[in-house]
Amino acid sequence: MDKQALHDIRVTFQASRIWTLFRNFQQYHMNEYNLDILLPSLKLEYLNIDVKITIHHTDTVSVAIGCSSGPLSIEEKDIFQFIEVLTRIENHITRLIDFCLNVINTRNNARINSEPSRIATTYVPRFNTWIVKMWHFGIDTLDEYTSKEFHVTLEEGIGDLYRIYTKRKKGKLIVRTEHQEYPNVEVASALLKKWLADGSLALNRP
């Protein structure tokens, strides 16, 4: 078996006035039914990671980190890689906010010939305070699987979901076993708890 790893990670954070800012910008797609605004995705091709960012009308920002083909193991190297990914996402959203502010303020000032008209800004909180809502924690086989493909889902109690299925990874078919987890705590706490899963650092375990 390969190393235990995380993938399909979902995190959220609150940012006052962020939905109003992007609604006023009027350049990104807004869902006409739930008013969600979808921001440009962030692709980290060298890590095989695709990030989708959604702004809800409640000023909640949802971040979906897709890394199913390159899961992040619970070891020192990948933990720091996950921190790098979150930093890049934070910077990406901050740059989009700055761009929108500049465009909107320029547009407003060109329209008004009196005092400059400026809109209120918004700020992205530090990534370590974002809330991990859900992630898949699992393990892959190292050897290639050569039989018929399958997908089995098991439910245990309320909310616990387990899956065992075949997946194409790096050109070969493998078997993945995963548990869908809902930490619902800040990123730093969720990572530390997972890193210290059985009372010892994952990187020090055999």
N, C-alpha and C. Protein backbone atom coordinates (compact mmCIF):
# COMPACT_ATOMS: atom_id res chain seq x y z
N MET A 1 0.84 -1.19 0.00
CA MET A 1 0.00 0.00 0.00
C MET A 1 0.87 1.25 0.00
N ASP A 2 0.33 2.33 -0.58
CA ASP A 2 1.02 3.61 -0.60
C ASP A 2 0.81 4.31 0.75
N LYS A 3 1.26 5.56 0.86
CA LYS A 3 1.11 6.33 2.09
C LYS A 3 -0.33 6.82 2.24
N GLN A 4 -0.77 6.99 3.50
CA GLN A 4 -2.08 7.57 3.75
C GLN A 4 -2.06 9.02 3.28
N ALA A 5 -3.14 9.45 2.63
CA ALA A 5 -3.12 10.77 2.01
C ALA A 5 -4.50 11.41 1.98
N LEU A 6 -4.50 12.74 1.76
CA LEU A 6 -5.71 13.55 1.68
C LEU A 6 -5.95 13.97 0.23
N HIS A 7 -7.23 14.06 -0.16
CA HIS A 7 -7.58 14.61 -1.46
C HIS A 7 -9.01 15.11 -1.41
N ASP A 8 -9.44 15.79 -2.49
CA ASP A 8 -10.78 16.39 -2.55
C ASP A 8 -11.09 17.19 -1.28
N ILE A 9 -10.27 18.19 -1.04
CA ILE A 9 -10.34 18.98 0.20
C ILE A 9 -11.25 20.18 0.00
N ARG A 10 -12.13 20.44 0.97
CA ARG A 10 -13.05 21.57 0.93
C ARG A 10 -12.83 22.45 2.16
N VAL A 11 -12.51 23.72 1.92
CA VAL A 11 -12.32 24.67 3.02
C VAL A 11 -13.17 25.91 2.76
N THR A 12 -13.50 26.64 3.83
CA THR A 12 -14.29 27.86 3.70
C THR A 12 -13.74 28.95 4.61
N PHE A 13 -14.10 30.20 4.28
CA PHE A 13 -13.79 31.32 5.17
C PHE A 13 -14.80 32.43 4.91
N GLN A 14 -14.89 33.38 5.85
CA GLN A 14 -15.77 34.53 5.73
C GLN A 14 -14.95 35.77 5.40
N ALA A 15 -15.49 36.61 4.53
CA ALA A 15 -14.84 37.88 4.17
C ALA A 15 -15.95 38.91 3.92
N SER A 16 -16.07 39.86 4.81
CA SER A 16 -17.15 40.85 4.70
C SER A 16 -17.09 41.61 3.39
N ARG A 17 -18.24 41.76 2.76
CA ARG A 17 -18.44 42.56 1.53
C ARG A 17 -17.82 41.94 0.28
N ILE A 18 -17.29 40.73 0.37
CA ILE A 18 -16.62 40.16 -0.81
C ILE A 18 -17.61 39.84 -1.92
N TRP A 19 -18.82 39.37 -1.56
CA TRP A 19 -19.81 39.06 -2.60
C TRP A 19 -20.25 40.34 -3.32
N THR A 20 -20.48 41.42 -2.58
CA THR A 20 -20.89 42.69 -3.17
C THR A 20 -19.81 43.22 -4.12
N LEU A 21 -18.56 43.07 -3.73
CA LEU A 21 -17.45 43.51 -4.57
C LEU A 21 -17.47 42.81 -5.92
N PHE A 22 -17.55 41.48 -5.92
CA PHE A 22 -17.50 40.74 -7.18
C PHE A 22 -18.80 40.85 -7.97
N ARG A 23 -19.90 41.10 -7.28
CA ARG A 23 -21.16 41.35 -8.01
C ARG A 23 -21.06 42.68 -8.76
N ASN A 24 -20.48 43.70 -8.11
CA ASN A 24 -20.31 44.99 -8.77
C ASN A 24 -19.32 44.92 -9.93
N PHE A 25 -18.37 44.00 -9.84
CA PHE A 25 -17.39 43.84 -10.91
C PHE A 25 -18.05 43.35 -12.19
N GLN A 26 -19.01 42.42 -12.05
CA GLN A 26 -19.86 41.94 -13.14
C GLN A 26 -19.10 41.25 -14.27
N GLN A 27 -17.97 40.67 -13.98
CA GLN A 27 -17.20 39.99 -15.03
C GLN A 27 -17.12 38.48 -14.84
N TYR A 28 -17.48 38.00 -13.66
CA TYR A 28 -17.42 36.57 -13.38
C TYR A 28 -18.83 35.98 -13.34
N HIS A 29 -18.93 34.72 -13.69
CA HIS A 29 -20.24 34.07 -13.80
C HIS A 29 -20.95 34.02 -12.46
N MET A 30 -22.23 34.44 -12.43
CA MET A 30 -23.05 34.34 -11.23
C MET A 30 -24.24 33.43 -11.52
N ASN A 31 -24.43 32.43 -10.67
CA ASN A 31 -25.56 31.51 -10.80
C ASN A 31 -26.86 32.26 -10.51
N GLU A 32 -27.78 32.25 -11.47
CA GLU A 32 -29.00 33.05 -11.31
C GLU A 32 -29.95 32.49 -10.26
N TYR A 33 -29.74 31.24 -9.83
CA TYR A 33 -30.65 30.64 -8.85
C TYR A 33 -30.17 30.84 -7.41
N ASN A 34 -28.89 30.54 -7.13
CA ASN A 34 -28.40 30.70 -5.76
C ASN A 34 -27.48 31.89 -5.58
N LEU A 35 -27.21 32.63 -6.68
CA LEU A 35 -26.39 33.86 -6.67
C LEU A 35 -24.92 33.60 -6.37
N ASP A 36 -24.49 32.35 -6.45
CA ASP A 36 -23.06 32.05 -6.27
C ASP A 36 -22.25 32.65 -7.41
N ILE A 37 -21.07 33.17 -7.09
CA ILE A 37 -20.17 33.73 -8.08
C ILE A 37 -18.94 32.82 -8.16
N LEU A 38 -18.65 32.34 -9.36
CA LEU A 38 -17.51 31.44 -9.56
C LEU A 38 -16.31 32.25 -10.05
N LEU A 39 -15.23 32.25 -9.26
CA LEU A 39 -14.02 32.98 -9.62
C LEU A 39 -13.14 32.14 -10.54
N PRO A 40 -12.20 32.77 -11.25
CA PRO A 40 -11.28 32.00 -12.09
C PRO A 40 -10.56 30.94 -11.27
N SER A 41 -10.48 29.74 -11.80
CA SER A 41 -9.83 28.65 -11.07
C SER A 41 -8.33 28.86 -11.04
N LEU A 42 -7.70 28.18 -10.11
CA LEU A 42 -6.24 28.23 -9.97
C LEU A 42 -5.70 26.85 -10.25
N LYS A 43 -4.83 26.73 -11.25
CA LYS A 43 -4.26 25.44 -11.61
C LYS A 43 -2.79 25.40 -11.21
N LEU A 44 -2.45 24.42 -10.37
CA LEU A 44 -1.06 24.20 -9.96
C LEU A 44 -0.62 22.91 -10.65
N GLU A 45 -0.24 23.03 -11.90
CA GLU A 45 0.02 21.86 -12.72
C GLU A 45 1.21 21.04 -12.22
N TYR A 46 2.20 21.71 -11.63
CA TYR A 46 3.37 20.98 -11.16
C TYR A 46 3.03 20.09 -9.96
N LEU A 47 1.88 20.37 -9.30
CA LEU A 47 1.43 19.53 -8.20
C LEU A 47 0.21 18.69 -8.59
N ASN A 48 -0.26 18.86 -9.83
CA ASN A 48 -1.46 18.17 -10.30
C ASN A 48 -2.67 18.52 -9.44
N ILE A 49 -2.82 19.82 -9.16
CA ILE A 49 -3.89 20.31 -8.30
C ILE A 49 -4.70 21.36 -9.04
N ASP A 50 -6.03 21.25 -8.92
CA ASP A 50 -6.95 22.22 -9.53
C ASP A 50 -7.83 22.79 -8.43
N VAL A 51 -7.87 24.13 -8.33
CA VAL A 51 -8.59 24.79 -7.25
C VAL A 51 -9.77 25.58 -7.82
N LYS A 52 -10.97 25.34 -7.28
CA LYS A 52 -12.15 26.09 -7.68
C LYS A 52 -12.64 26.93 -6.50
N ILE A 53 -12.99 28.19 -6.78
CA ILE A 53 -13.35 29.14 -5.72
C ILE A 53 -14.74 29.69 -5.99
N THR A 54 -15.62 29.59 -5.00
CA THR A 54 -17.00 30.07 -5.14
C THR A 54 -17.30 31.07 -4.04
N ILE A 55 -17.91 32.22 -4.43
CA ILE A 55 -18.32 33.25 -3.47
C ILE A 55 -19.83 33.17 -3.30
N HIS A 56 -20.28 32.94 -2.09
CA HIS A 56 -21.72 32.86 -1.81
C HIS A 56 -22.24 34.23 -1.37
N HIS A 57 -23.55 34.45 -1.53
CA HIS A 57 -24.11 35.77 -1.21
C HIS A 57 -24.06 36.07 0.29
N THR A 58 -23.73 35.06 1.09
CA THR A 58 -23.59 35.24 2.54
C THR A 58 -22.18 35.72 2.92
N ASP A 59 -21.33 36.00 1.91
CA ASP A 59 -19.93 36.39 2.11
C ASP A 59 -19.07 35.22 2.60
N THR A 60 -19.57 34.01 2.40
CA THR A 60 -18.76 32.82 2.64
C THR A 60 -18.06 32.45 1.35
N VAL A 61 -16.79 32.11 1.44
CA VAL A 61 -16.01 31.69 0.27
C VAL A 61 -15.70 30.20 0.41
N SER A 62 -16.08 29.42 -0.59
CA SER A 62 -15.81 27.98 -0.60
C SER A 62 -14.66 27.69 -1.55
N VAL A 63 -13.70 26.91 -1.07
CA VAL A 63 -12.52 26.56 -1.86
C VAL A 63 -12.47 25.05 -2.00
N ALA A 64 -12.49 24.56 -3.23
CA ALA A 64 -12.42 23.12 -3.50
C ALA A 64 -11.05 22.81 -4.10
N ILE A 65 -10.28 22.00 -3.38
CA ILE A 65 -8.93 21.65 -3.81
C ILE A 65 -8.96 20.24 -4.37
N GLY A 66 -8.89 20.14 -5.68
CA GLY A 66 -8.94 18.84 -6.33
C GLY A 66 -7.55 18.27 -6.55
N CYS A 67 -7.23 17.20 -5.84
CA CYS A 67 -5.91 16.57 -6.00
C CYS A 67 -6.05 15.06 -5.94
N SER A 68 -7.11 14.55 -6.56
CA SER A 68 -7.39 13.13 -6.50
C SER A 68 -6.30 12.30 -7.18
N SER A 69 -5.67 12.87 -8.22
CA SER A 69 -4.62 12.13 -8.92
C SER A 69 -3.25 12.31 -8.28
N GLY A 70 -3.17 13.26 -7.36
CA GLY A 70 -1.91 13.48 -6.63
C GLY A 70 -2.18 13.79 -5.18
N PRO A 71 -2.73 12.82 -4.42
CA PRO A 71 -3.09 13.05 -3.02
C PRO A 71 -1.90 13.54 -2.19
N LEU A 72 -2.21 14.29 -1.13
CA LEU A 72 -1.20 14.83 -0.24
C LEU A 72 -1.05 13.91 0.97
N SER A 73 0.10 13.27 1.07
CA SER A 73 0.31 12.31 2.16
C SER A 73 0.46 13.03 3.50
N ILE A 74 0.19 12.29 4.56
CA ILE A 74 0.32 12.85 5.91
C ILE A 74 1.76 12.68 6.36
N GLU A 75 2.64 13.35 5.69
CA GLU A 75 4.05 13.35 6.03
C GLU A 75 4.59 14.77 5.89
N GLU A 76 5.76 14.99 6.45
CA GLU A 76 6.31 16.34 6.55
C GLU A 76 6.34 17.06 5.20
N LYS A 77 6.84 16.41 4.16
CA LYS A 77 6.99 17.04 2.86
C LYS A 77 5.65 17.51 2.31
N ASP A 78 4.65 16.65 2.34
CA ASP A 78 3.35 17.00 1.76
C ASP A 78 2.56 17.94 2.65
N ILE A 79 2.77 17.89 3.96
CA ILE A 79 2.12 18.85 4.86
C ILE A 79 2.56 20.26 4.49
N PHE A 80 3.86 20.45 4.29
CA PHE A 80 4.37 21.77 3.89
C PHE A 80 3.89 22.12 2.48
N GLN A 81 3.71 21.12 1.64
CA GLN A 81 3.19 21.36 0.29
C GLN A 81 1.75 21.84 0.36
N PHE A 82 0.97 21.28 1.27
CA PHE A 82 -0.41 21.70 1.47
C PHE A 82 -0.44 23.16 1.94
N ILE A 83 0.47 23.53 2.84
CA ILE A 83 0.56 24.91 3.32
C ILE A 83 0.90 25.84 2.15
N GLU A 84 1.79 25.38 1.27
CA GLU A 84 2.14 26.18 0.09
C GLU A 84 0.91 26.39 -0.80
N VAL A 85 0.13 25.34 -0.99
CA VAL A 85 -1.07 25.43 -1.82
C VAL A 85 -2.04 26.46 -1.23
N LEU A 86 -2.27 26.40 0.08
CA LEU A 86 -3.19 27.34 0.72
C LEU A 86 -2.67 28.78 0.62
N THR A 87 -1.37 28.95 0.74
CA THR A 87 -0.78 30.29 0.59
C THR A 87 -1.01 30.83 -0.81
N ARG A 88 -0.82 29.98 -1.82
CA ARG A 88 -1.04 30.40 -3.20
C ARG A 88 -2.51 30.77 -3.44
N ILE A 89 -3.43 30.01 -2.83
CA ILE A 89 -4.86 30.31 -2.97
C ILE A 89 -5.18 31.66 -2.33
N GLU A 90 -4.65 31.89 -1.14
CA GLU A 90 -4.88 33.16 -0.45
C GLU A 90 -4.37 34.33 -1.30
N ASN A 91 -3.17 34.19 -1.85
CA ASN A 91 -2.60 35.25 -2.69
C ASN A 91 -3.41 35.43 -3.98
N HIS A 92 -3.88 34.32 -4.54
CA HIS A 92 -4.68 34.37 -5.78
C HIS A 92 -5.96 35.17 -5.56
N ILE A 93 -6.67 34.89 -4.48
CA ILE A 93 -7.92 35.61 -4.19
C ILE A 93 -7.64 37.08 -3.89
N THR A 94 -6.57 37.35 -3.16
CA THR A 94 -6.20 38.73 -2.83
C THR A 94 -5.90 39.53 -4.10
N ARG A 95 -5.20 38.92 -5.05
CA ARG A 95 -4.91 39.61 -6.33
C ARG A 95 -6.19 39.89 -7.10
N LEU A 96 -7.13 38.94 -7.09
CA LEU A 96 -8.41 39.16 -7.78
C LEU A 96 -9.18 40.31 -7.15
N ILE A 97 -9.15 40.38 -5.82
CA ILE A 97 -9.82 41.48 -5.12
C ILE A 97 -9.21 42.82 -5.50
N ASP A 98 -7.88 42.91 -5.49
CA ASP A 98 -7.20 44.15 -5.85
C ASP A 98 -7.53 44.55 -7.29
N PHE A 99 -7.55 43.57 -8.19
CA PHE A 99 -7.87 43.86 -9.58
C PHE A 99 -9.29 44.40 -9.72
N CYS A 100 -10.25 43.75 -9.05
CA CYS A 100 -11.64 44.19 -9.11
C CYS A 100 -11.80 45.60 -8.56
N LEU A 101 -11.15 45.89 -7.44
CA LEU A 101 -11.23 47.22 -6.84
C LEU A 101 -10.71 48.28 -7.79
N ASN A 102 -9.58 48.01 -8.42
CA ASN A 102 -9.00 48.98 -9.34
C ASN A 102 -9.93 49.24 -10.53
N VAL A 103 -10.49 48.16 -11.09
CA VAL A 103 -11.39 48.31 -12.24
C VAL A 103 -12.65 49.07 -11.86
N ILE A 104 -13.27 48.71 -10.74
CA ILE A 104 -14.52 49.35 -10.32
C ILE A 104 -14.29 50.82 -9.99
N ASN A 105 -13.22 51.12 -9.25
CA ASN A 105 -12.95 52.51 -8.89
C ASN A 105 -12.63 53.36 -10.11
N THR A 106 -11.89 52.80 -11.05
CA THR A 106 -11.58 53.51 -12.29
C THR A 106 -12.86 53.78 -13.08
N ARG A 107 -13.72 52.78 -13.14
CA ARG A 107 -14.99 52.90 -13.85
C ARG A 107 -15.88 53.96 -13.20
N ASN A 108 -15.95 53.95 -11.86
CA ASN A 108 -16.78 54.92 -11.15
C ASN A 108 -16.25 56.34 -11.31
N ASN A 109 -14.94 56.49 -11.23
CA ASN A 109 -14.35 57.82 -11.33
C ASN A 109 -14.50 58.41 -12.73
N ALA A 110 -14.50 57.53 -13.73
CA ALA A 110 -14.68 58.00 -15.10
C ALA A 110 -16.12 58.46 -15.33
N ARG A 111 -17.03 57.91 -14.54
CA ARG A 111 -18.45 58.21 -14.68
C ARG A 111 -18.84 59.47 -13.90
N ILE A 112 -18.08 59.81 -12.87
CA ILE A 112 -18.41 60.92 -11.99
C ILE A 112 -17.32 61.98 -12.08
N ASN A 113 -17.69 63.20 -12.35
CA ASN A 113 -16.72 64.26 -12.56
C ASN A 113 -16.49 65.12 -11.32
N SER A 114 -17.09 64.72 -10.20
CA SER A 114 -16.88 65.47 -8.98
C SER A 114 -15.83 64.77 -8.12
N GLU A 115 -16.16 64.55 -6.86
CA GLU A 115 -15.23 63.88 -5.96
C GLU A 115 -15.08 62.41 -6.37
N PRO A 116 -13.86 61.85 -6.28
CA PRO A 116 -13.66 60.43 -6.62
C PRO A 116 -14.57 59.54 -5.78
N SER A 117 -15.19 58.57 -6.41
CA SER A 117 -16.08 57.63 -5.73
C SER A 117 -15.36 56.30 -5.56
N ARG A 118 -15.27 55.85 -4.31
CA ARG A 118 -14.56 54.61 -4.04
C ARG A 118 -15.48 53.67 -3.26
N ILE A 119 -15.33 52.37 -3.48
CA ILE A 119 -16.14 51.40 -2.76
C ILE A 119 -15.31 50.78 -1.64
N ALA A 120 -16.02 50.22 -0.67
CA ALA A 120 -15.34 49.62 0.48
C ALA A 120 -14.60 48.35 0.03
N THR A 121 -13.42 48.15 0.59
CA THR A 121 -12.63 46.98 0.23
C THR A 121 -13.00 45.79 1.11
N THR A 122 -12.40 44.68 0.83
CA THR A 122 -12.57 43.47 1.63
C THR A 122 -11.22 42.79 1.78
N TYR A 123 -11.09 41.96 2.78
CA TYR A 123 -9.80 41.33 3.06
C TYR A 123 -9.98 39.83 3.21
N VAL A 124 -8.98 39.09 2.74
CA VAL A 124 -8.96 37.64 2.88
C VAL A 124 -8.26 37.29 4.19
N PRO A 125 -8.92 36.56 5.08
CA PRO A 125 -8.24 36.15 6.33
C PRO A 125 -7.11 35.19 6.05
N ARG A 126 -6.17 35.11 6.96
CA ARG A 126 -5.03 34.19 6.78
C ARG A 126 -5.53 32.76 6.64
N PHE A 127 -4.88 32.00 5.76
CA PHE A 127 -5.36 30.66 5.42
C PHE A 127 -5.42 29.73 6.63
N ASN A 128 -4.56 29.95 7.64
CA ASN A 128 -4.55 29.02 8.78
C ASN A 128 -5.81 29.14 9.63
N THR A 129 -6.63 30.19 9.39
CA THR A 129 -7.89 30.34 10.11
C THR A 129 -9.08 29.82 9.30
N TRP A 130 -8.83 29.39 8.05
CA TRP A 130 -9.93 28.85 7.25
C TRP A 130 -10.42 27.54 7.87
N ILE A 131 -11.66 27.20 7.60
CA ILE A 131 -12.28 26.01 8.19
C ILE A 131 -12.27 24.85 7.18
N VAL A 132 -11.74 23.72 7.61
CA VAL A 132 -11.79 22.51 6.78
C VAL A 132 -13.16 21.87 6.96
N LYS A 133 -13.99 21.93 5.94
CA LYS A 133 -15.34 21.37 6.03
C LYS A 133 -15.36 19.88 5.72
N MET A 134 -14.50 19.46 4.78
CA MET A 134 -14.51 18.05 4.37
C MET A 134 -13.22 17.73 3.64
N TRP A 135 -12.78 16.49 3.78
CA TRP A 135 -11.71 15.97 2.94
C TRP A 135 -11.83 14.45 2.88
N HIS A 136 -11.23 13.86 1.87
CA HIS A 136 -11.19 12.41 1.75
C HIS A 136 -9.82 11.94 2.22
N PHE A 137 -9.83 11.00 3.15
CA PHE A 137 -8.60 10.46 3.71
C PHE A 137 -8.52 9.00 3.33
N GLY A 138 -7.48 8.64 2.58
CA GLY A 138 -7.43 7.27 2.10
C GLY A 138 -6.04 6.77 1.80
N ILE A 139 -6.02 5.62 1.17
CA ILE A 139 -4.75 4.97 0.84
C ILE A 139 -4.92 4.21 -0.48
N ASP A 140 -3.87 4.20 -1.30
CA ASP A 140 -3.89 3.54 -2.60
C ASP A 140 -3.00 2.30 -2.59
N THR A 141 -3.31 1.37 -3.48
CA THR A 141 -2.39 0.26 -3.68
C THR A 141 -1.24 0.73 -4.57
N LEU A 142 -0.06 0.20 -4.31
CA LEU A 142 1.10 0.52 -5.15
C LEU A 142 1.11 -0.34 -6.41
N ASP A 143 0.68 -1.57 -6.28
CA ASP A 143 0.67 -2.48 -7.43
C ASP A 143 -0.53 -2.19 -8.33
N GLU A 144 -0.38 -2.44 -9.60
CA GLU A 144 -1.47 -2.22 -10.54
C GLU A 144 -2.53 -3.30 -10.37
N TYR A 145 -3.79 -2.86 -10.47
CA TYR A 145 -4.93 -3.77 -10.36
C TYR A 145 -5.34 -4.17 -11.78
N THR A 146 -5.49 -5.47 -12.03
CA THR A 146 -5.71 -5.95 -13.40
C THR A 146 -7.08 -6.60 -13.62
N SER A 147 -7.92 -6.62 -12.58
CA SER A 147 -9.24 -7.23 -12.75
C SER A 147 -10.28 -6.17 -13.14
N LYS A 148 -11.54 -6.52 -13.02
CA LYS A 148 -12.64 -5.65 -13.42
C LYS A 148 -12.73 -4.43 -12.51
N GLU A 149 -13.01 -3.25 -13.09
CA GLU A 149 -13.14 -2.03 -12.30
C GLU A 149 -14.41 -2.10 -11.43
N PHE A 150 -14.38 -1.43 -10.27
CA PHE A 150 -15.52 -1.46 -9.35
C PHE A 150 -15.56 -0.20 -8.50
N HIS A 151 -16.67 0.02 -7.84
CA HIS A 151 -16.85 1.16 -6.92
C HIS A 151 -17.87 0.74 -5.86
N VAL A 152 -17.43 0.65 -4.60
CA VAL A 152 -18.29 0.24 -3.49
C VAL A 152 -18.35 1.36 -2.46
N THR A 153 -19.57 1.74 -2.04
CA THR A 153 -19.77 2.78 -1.02
C THR A 153 -20.41 2.16 0.21
N LEU A 154 -19.85 2.47 1.37
CA LEU A 154 -20.37 1.95 2.64
C LEU A 154 -20.71 3.12 3.56
N GLU A 155 -21.87 3.08 4.18
CA GLU A 155 -22.27 4.11 5.14
C GLU A 155 -22.28 3.54 6.54
N GLU A 156 -21.79 4.36 7.49
CA GLU A 156 -21.76 3.93 8.89
C GLU A 156 -22.27 5.07 9.75
N GLY A 157 -23.41 4.88 10.40
CA GLY A 157 -23.98 5.93 11.23
C GLY A 157 -24.44 7.10 10.37
N ILE A 158 -24.36 8.31 10.97
CA ILE A 158 -24.78 9.53 10.28
C ILE A 158 -23.55 10.28 9.79
N GLY A 159 -23.38 10.34 8.50
CA GLY A 159 -22.31 11.15 7.94
C GLY A 159 -21.03 10.41 7.61
N ASP A 160 -20.80 9.23 8.18
CA ASP A 160 -19.57 8.50 7.88
C ASP A 160 -19.75 7.73 6.57
N LEU A 161 -18.87 8.02 5.63
CA LEU A 161 -18.96 7.41 4.32
C LEU A 161 -17.60 6.83 3.94
N TYR A 162 -17.58 5.55 3.55
CA TYR A 162 -16.36 4.87 3.12
C TYR A 162 -16.53 4.42 1.68
N ARG A 163 -15.45 4.49 0.93
CA ARG A 163 -15.49 4.03 -0.46
C ARG A 163 -14.27 3.16 -0.76
N ILE A 164 -14.49 2.16 -1.57
CA ILE A 164 -13.40 1.35 -2.12
C ILE A 164 -13.66 1.28 -3.62
N TYR A 165 -12.70 1.72 -4.41
CA TYR A 165 -12.94 1.78 -5.85
C TYR A 165 -11.63 1.74 -6.63
N THR A 166 -11.76 1.50 -7.92
CA THR A 166 -10.59 1.52 -8.80
C THR A 166 -10.44 2.91 -9.39
N LYS A 167 -9.19 3.29 -9.65
CA LYS A 167 -8.92 4.63 -10.18
C LYS A 167 -7.69 4.60 -11.08
N ARG A 168 -7.74 5.40 -12.14
CA ARG A 168 -6.58 5.57 -13.00
C ARG A 168 -5.65 6.59 -12.37
N LYS A 169 -4.42 6.19 -12.12
CA LYS A 169 -3.45 7.08 -11.49
C LYS A 169 -2.07 6.86 -12.11
N LYS A 170 -1.52 7.92 -12.68
CA LYS A 170 -0.21 7.86 -13.32
C LYS A 170 -0.14 6.74 -14.35
N GLY A 171 -1.22 6.61 -15.12
CA GLY A 171 -1.23 5.67 -16.23
C GLY A 171 -1.55 4.23 -15.88
N LYS A 172 -1.83 3.94 -14.61
CA LYS A 172 -2.18 2.56 -14.27
C LYS A 172 -3.41 2.53 -13.38
N LEU A 173 -4.07 1.39 -13.35
CA LEU A 173 -5.27 1.20 -12.56
C LEU A 173 -4.89 0.71 -11.17
N ILE A 174 -5.34 1.43 -10.16
CA ILE A 174 -5.05 1.04 -8.77
C ILE A 174 -6.37 0.95 -7.99
N VAL A 175 -6.29 0.46 -6.76
CA VAL A 175 -7.46 0.41 -5.87
C VAL A 175 -7.26 1.43 -4.76
N ARG A 176 -8.30 2.23 -4.52
CA ARG A 176 -8.24 3.26 -3.47
C ARG A 176 -9.30 2.98 -2.41
N THR A 177 -8.91 3.07 -1.16
CA THR A 177 -9.83 2.98 -0.03
C THR A 177 -9.81 4.32 0.69
N GLU A 178 -11.00 4.91 0.92
CA GLU A 178 -11.02 6.25 1.51
C GLU A 178 -12.18 6.42 2.49
N HIS A 179 -12.01 7.39 3.39
CA HIS A 179 -13.03 7.76 4.36
C HIS A 179 -13.32 9.23 4.16
N GLN A 180 -14.59 9.59 3.97
CA GLN A 180 -14.98 10.99 3.82
C GLN A 180 -15.14 11.59 5.21
N GLU A 181 -14.29 12.56 5.56
CA GLU A 181 -14.26 13.12 6.91
C GLU A 181 -14.70 14.58 6.91
N TYR A 182 -15.24 15.02 8.06
CA TYR A 182 -15.73 16.39 8.21
C TYR A 182 -15.11 17.02 9.46
N PRO A 183 -13.86 17.49 9.37
CA PRO A 183 -13.18 18.05 10.54
C PRO A 183 -13.91 19.26 11.14
N ASN A 184 -14.37 20.18 10.27
CA ASN A 184 -15.10 21.38 10.68
C ASN A 184 -14.34 22.20 11.73
N VAL A 185 -13.03 22.28 11.57
CA VAL A 185 -12.18 23.10 12.44
C VAL A 185 -11.19 23.86 11.57
N GLU A 186 -10.44 24.78 12.17
CA GLU A 186 -9.46 25.56 11.42
C GLU A 186 -8.39 24.65 10.83
N VAL A 187 -7.82 25.10 9.71
CA VAL A 187 -6.83 24.31 8.98
C VAL A 187 -5.72 23.82 9.89
N ALA A 188 -5.16 24.73 10.70
CA ALA A 188 -4.03 24.36 11.56
C ALA A 188 -4.40 23.22 12.51
N SER A 189 -5.58 23.30 13.11
CA SER A 189 -6.03 22.26 14.04
C SER A 189 -6.30 20.94 13.32
N ALA A 190 -6.91 21.02 12.14
CA ALA A 190 -7.23 19.80 11.39
C ALA A 190 -5.97 19.07 10.97
N LEU A 191 -4.97 19.82 10.48
CA LEU A 191 -3.72 19.19 10.05
C LEU A 191 -2.96 18.60 11.23
N LEU A 192 -2.92 19.33 12.34
CA LEU A 192 -2.20 18.85 13.52
C LEU A 192 -2.84 17.57 14.05
N LYS A 193 -4.16 17.56 14.10
CA LYS A 193 -4.86 16.37 14.59
C LYS A 193 -4.59 15.17 13.69
N LYS A 194 -4.57 15.40 12.37
CA LYS A 194 -4.32 14.30 11.44
C LYS A 194 -2.88 13.84 11.52
N TRP A 195 -1.96 14.80 11.71
CA TRP A 195 -0.53 14.50 11.80
C TRP A 195 -0.22 13.69 13.07
N LEU A 196 -0.96 13.97 14.14
CA LEU A 196 -0.76 13.29 15.41
C LEU A 196 -1.84 12.24 15.64
N ALA A 197 -2.24 11.59 14.59
CA ALA A 197 -3.43 10.73 14.61
C ALA A 197 -3.42 9.70 15.73
N ASP A 198 -2.28 9.07 16.00
CA ASP A 198 -2.28 8.04 17.05
C ASP A 198 -1.30 8.38 18.17
N GLY A 199 -1.07 9.69 18.35
CA GLY A 199 -0.23 10.11 19.46
C GLY A 199 1.22 10.28 19.10
N SER A 200 1.61 10.01 17.84
CA SER A 200 2.99 10.20 17.43
C SER A 200 3.01 10.81 16.04
N LEU A 201 4.02 11.59 15.74
CA LEU A 201 4.08 12.22 14.44
C LEU A 201 4.08 11.17 13.33
N ALA A 202 3.26 11.43 12.30
CA ALA A 202 3.14 10.47 11.20
C ALA A 202 4.46 10.17 10.56
N LEU A 203 5.35 11.18 10.46
CA LEU A 203 6.61 10.98 9.76
C LEU A 203 7.56 10.10 10.55
N ASN A 204 7.28 9.89 11.86
CA ASN A 204 8.14 9.07 12.69
C ASN A 204 7.62 7.65 12.85
N ARG A 205 6.44 7.39 12.30
CA ARG A 205 5.87 6.05 12.44
C ARG A 205 6.44 5.14 11.37
N PRO A 206 6.59 3.87 11.65
CA PRO A 206 7.11 2.94 10.63
C PRO A 206 6.11 2.76 9.49
